[in-house]
């Protein structure tokens, strides 16, 4: 189920960040711009995996830290460039 809450609220509810850490990152975001998740990682308040899990909750998409290569359907991966998959940290592994 899609979680419509802002990413900061999701990270707090999962116990990954405190409200103070999110508020601090929001101040930086208002001053310099940037994505909240990236700012939280930069300030050491959350890990990249924790931010990805929160984004996955927002989009109702599972996040897998480790992928069993044998489970990947080659027909899904073929159209993607390696550069895009790495940059976006997305890789289709199965049809829904």
C-alpha atoms as a PDB file:
ATOM      1  CA  UNK A   1       0.000   0.000   0.000  1.00  0.00           C
ATOM      2  CA  UNK A   2       1.359   3.414  -0.963  1.00  0.00           C
ATOM      3  CA  UNK A   3       2.385   5.583   1.992  1.00  0.00           C
ATOM      4  CA  UNK A   4       1.464   9.200   1.178  1.00  0.00           C
ATOM      5  CA  UNK A   5       3.444  10.682   4.080  1.00  0.00           C
ATOM      6  CA  UNK A   6       6.550  12.799   3.413  1.00  0.00           C
ATOM      7  CA  UNK A   7       9.800  10.851   3.481  1.00  0.00           C
ATOM      8  CA  UNK A   8      10.893  12.525   6.715  1.00  0.00           C
ATOM      9  CA  UNK A   9       7.768  11.307   8.529  1.00  0.00           C
ATOM     10  CA  UNK A  10       8.321   7.773   7.231  1.00  0.00           C
ATOM     11  CA  UNK A  11      11.956   7.764   8.395  1.00  0.00           C
ATOM     12  CA  UNK A  12      10.894   8.989  11.838  1.00  0.00           C
ATOM     13  CA  UNK A  13       8.104   6.400  12.142  1.00  0.00           C
ATOM     14  CA  UNK A  14      10.535   3.609  11.248  1.00  0.00           C
ATOM     15  CA  UNK A  15      12.923   4.854  13.941  1.00  0.00           C
ATOM     16  CA  UNK A  16      15.651   5.664  11.418  1.00  0.00           C
ATOM     17  CA  UNK A  17      15.794   9.400  12.237  1.00  0.00           C
ATOM     18  CA  UNK A  18      14.668  11.707  14.973  1.00  0.00           C
ATOM     19  CA  UNK A  19      12.363  14.646  14.397  1.00  0.00           C
ATOM     20  CA  UNK A  20      15.283  16.949  15.225  1.00  0.00           C
ATOM     21  CA  UNK A  21      17.463  15.362  12.524  1.00  0.00           C
ATOM     22  CA  UNK A  22      14.731  15.733   9.914  1.00  0.00           C
ATOM     23  CA  UNK A  23      14.069  19.354  10.955  1.00  0.00           C
ATOM     24  CA  UNK A  24      17.800  20.110  10.684  1.00  0.00           C
ATOM     25  CA  UNK A  25      17.904  18.636   7.175  1.00  0.00           C
ATOM     26  CA  UNK A  26      14.787  20.616   6.218  1.00  0.00           C
ATOM     27  CA  UNK A  27      16.534  23.838   7.273  1.00  0.00           C
ATOM     28  CA  UNK A  28      19.514  22.932   5.076  1.00  0.00           C
ATOM     29  CA  UNK A  29      17.140  22.022   2.241  1.00  0.00           C
ATOM     30  CA  UNK A  30      15.378  25.398   2.493  1.00  0.00           C
ATOM     31  CA  UNK A  31      18.743  27.181   2.452  1.00  0.00           C
ATOM     32  CA  UNK A  32      20.663  25.210  -0.187  1.00  0.00           C
ATOM     33  CA  UNK A  33      18.098  22.976  -1.854  1.00  0.00           C
ATOM     34  CA  UNK A  34      18.593  19.283  -2.448  1.00  0.00           C
ATOM     35  CA  UNK A  35      16.680  16.124  -1.741  1.00  0.00           C
ATOM     36  CA  UNK A  36      15.798  15.510   1.888  1.00  0.00           C
ATOM     37  CA  UNK A  37      16.920  11.883   1.796  1.00  0.00           C
ATOM     38  CA  UNK A  38      20.317  12.811   0.367  1.00  0.00           C
ATOM     39  CA  UNK A  39      20.749  15.543   2.971  1.00  0.00           C
ATOM     40  CA  UNK A  40      19.947  13.119   5.794  1.00  0.00           C
ATOM     41  CA  UNK A  41      22.549  10.686   4.461  1.00  0.00           C
ATOM     42  CA  UNK A  42      25.125  13.482   4.119  1.00  0.00           C
ATOM     43  CA  UNK A  43      24.614  14.567   7.725  1.00  0.00           C
ATOM     44  CA  UNK A  44      24.835  10.953   8.921  1.00  0.00           C
ATOM     45  CA  UNK A  45      21.249  10.831  10.157  1.00  0.00           C
ATOM     46  CA  UNK A  46      20.163   7.961   7.879  1.00  0.00           C
ATOM     47  CA  UNK A  47      21.765   5.379   5.649  1.00  0.00           C
ATOM     48  CA  UNK A  48      21.169   5.146   1.914  1.00  0.00           C
ATOM     49  CA  UNK A  49      19.330   1.866   2.474  1.00  0.00           C
ATOM     50  CA  UNK A  50      17.035   3.458   5.069  1.00  0.00           C
ATOM     51  CA  UNK A  51      16.189   6.284   2.656  1.00  0.00           C
ATOM     52  CA  UNK A  52      15.549   3.767  -0.132  1.00  0.00           C
ATOM     53  CA  UNK A  53      13.247   1.794   2.185  1.00  0.00           C
ATOM     54  CA  UNK A  54      11.289   4.973   2.936  1.00  0.00           C
ATOM     55  CA  UNK A  55      11.034   5.769  -0.778  1.00  0.00           C
ATOM     56  CA  UNK A  56       9.926   2.190  -1.392  1.00  0.00           C
ATOM     57  CA  UNK A  57       7.170   2.657   1.200  1.00  0.00           C
ATOM     58  CA  UNK A  58       6.027   5.847  -0.538  1.00  0.00           C
ATOM     59  CA  UNK A  59       5.786   4.046  -3.870  1.00  0.00           C
ATOM     60  CA  UNK A  60       4.685   0.639  -2.576  1.00  0.00           C
ATOM     61  CA  UNK A  61       7.803  -0.916  -4.089  1.00  0.00           C
ATOM     62  CA  UNK A  62       9.955  -3.482  -2.297  1.00  0.00           C
ATOM     63  CA  UNK A  63      13.614  -2.673  -1.720  1.00  0.00           C
ATOM     64  CA  UNK A  64      16.203  -5.412  -1.794  1.00  0.00           C
ATOM     65  CA  UNK A  65      19.686  -4.693  -0.450  1.00  0.00           C
ATOM     66  CA  UNK A  66      21.084  -7.850  -2.011  1.00  0.00           C
ATOM     67  CA  UNK A  67      19.830  -9.353  -5.242  1.00  0.00           C
ATOM     68  CA  UNK A  68      20.033 -13.002  -6.195  1.00  0.00           C
ATOM     69  CA  UNK A  69      21.144 -12.761  -9.831  1.00  0.00           C
ATOM     70  CA  UNK A  70      19.404 -16.028 -10.670  1.00  0.00           C
ATOM     71  CA  UNK A  71      16.019 -14.445  -9.851  1.00  0.00           C
ATOM     72  CA  UNK A  72      16.425 -11.627 -12.376  1.00  0.00           C
ATOM     73  CA  UNK A  73      14.358 -12.011 -15.540  1.00  0.00           C
ATOM     74  CA  UNK A  74      16.781 -11.105 -18.383  1.00  0.00           C
ATOM     75  CA  UNK A  75      13.927  -9.892 -20.603  1.00  0.00           C
ATOM     76  CA  UNK A  76      13.173  -7.135 -18.059  1.00  0.00           C
ATOM     77  CA  UNK A  77      16.759  -5.963 -17.753  1.00  0.00           C
ATOM     78  CA  UNK A  78      17.604  -5.909 -21.466  1.00  0.00           C
ATOM     79  CA  UNK A  79      16.097  -2.501 -22.332  1.00  0.00           C
ATOM     80  CA  UNK A  80      17.842  -0.729 -19.410  1.00  0.00           C
ATOM     81  CA  UNK A  81      21.296   0.732 -19.747  1.00  0.00           C
ATOM     82  CA  UNK A  82      23.762  -0.226 -17.023  1.00  0.00           C
ATOM     83  CA  UNK A  83      24.456   3.473 -16.387  1.00  0.00           C
ATOM     84  CA  UNK A  84      20.758   4.215 -15.791  1.00  0.00           C
ATOM     85  CA  UNK A  85      20.314   1.228 -13.484  1.00  0.00           C
ATOM     86  CA  UNK A  86      23.328   2.248 -11.383  1.00  0.00           C
ATOM     87  CA  UNK A  87      22.440   5.941 -11.273  1.00  0.00           C
ATOM     88  CA  UNK A  88      18.799   5.368 -10.353  1.00  0.00           C
ATOM     89  CA  UNK A  89      19.537   2.352  -8.151  1.00  0.00           C
ATOM     90  CA  UNK A  90      16.622   0.576  -9.817  1.00  0.00           C
ATOM     91  CA  UNK A  91      16.605  -2.855 -11.368  1.00  0.00           C
ATOM     92  CA  UNK A  92      13.513  -4.794 -12.400  1.00  0.00           C
ATOM     93  CA  UNK A  93      13.795  -8.352 -11.137  1.00  0.00           C
ATOM     94  CA  UNK A  94      10.347  -9.809 -11.878  1.00  0.00           C
ATOM     95  CA  UNK A  95       6.997  -8.999 -13.445  1.00  0.00           C
ATOM     96  CA  UNK A  96       4.237  -8.067 -11.025  1.00  0.00           C
END
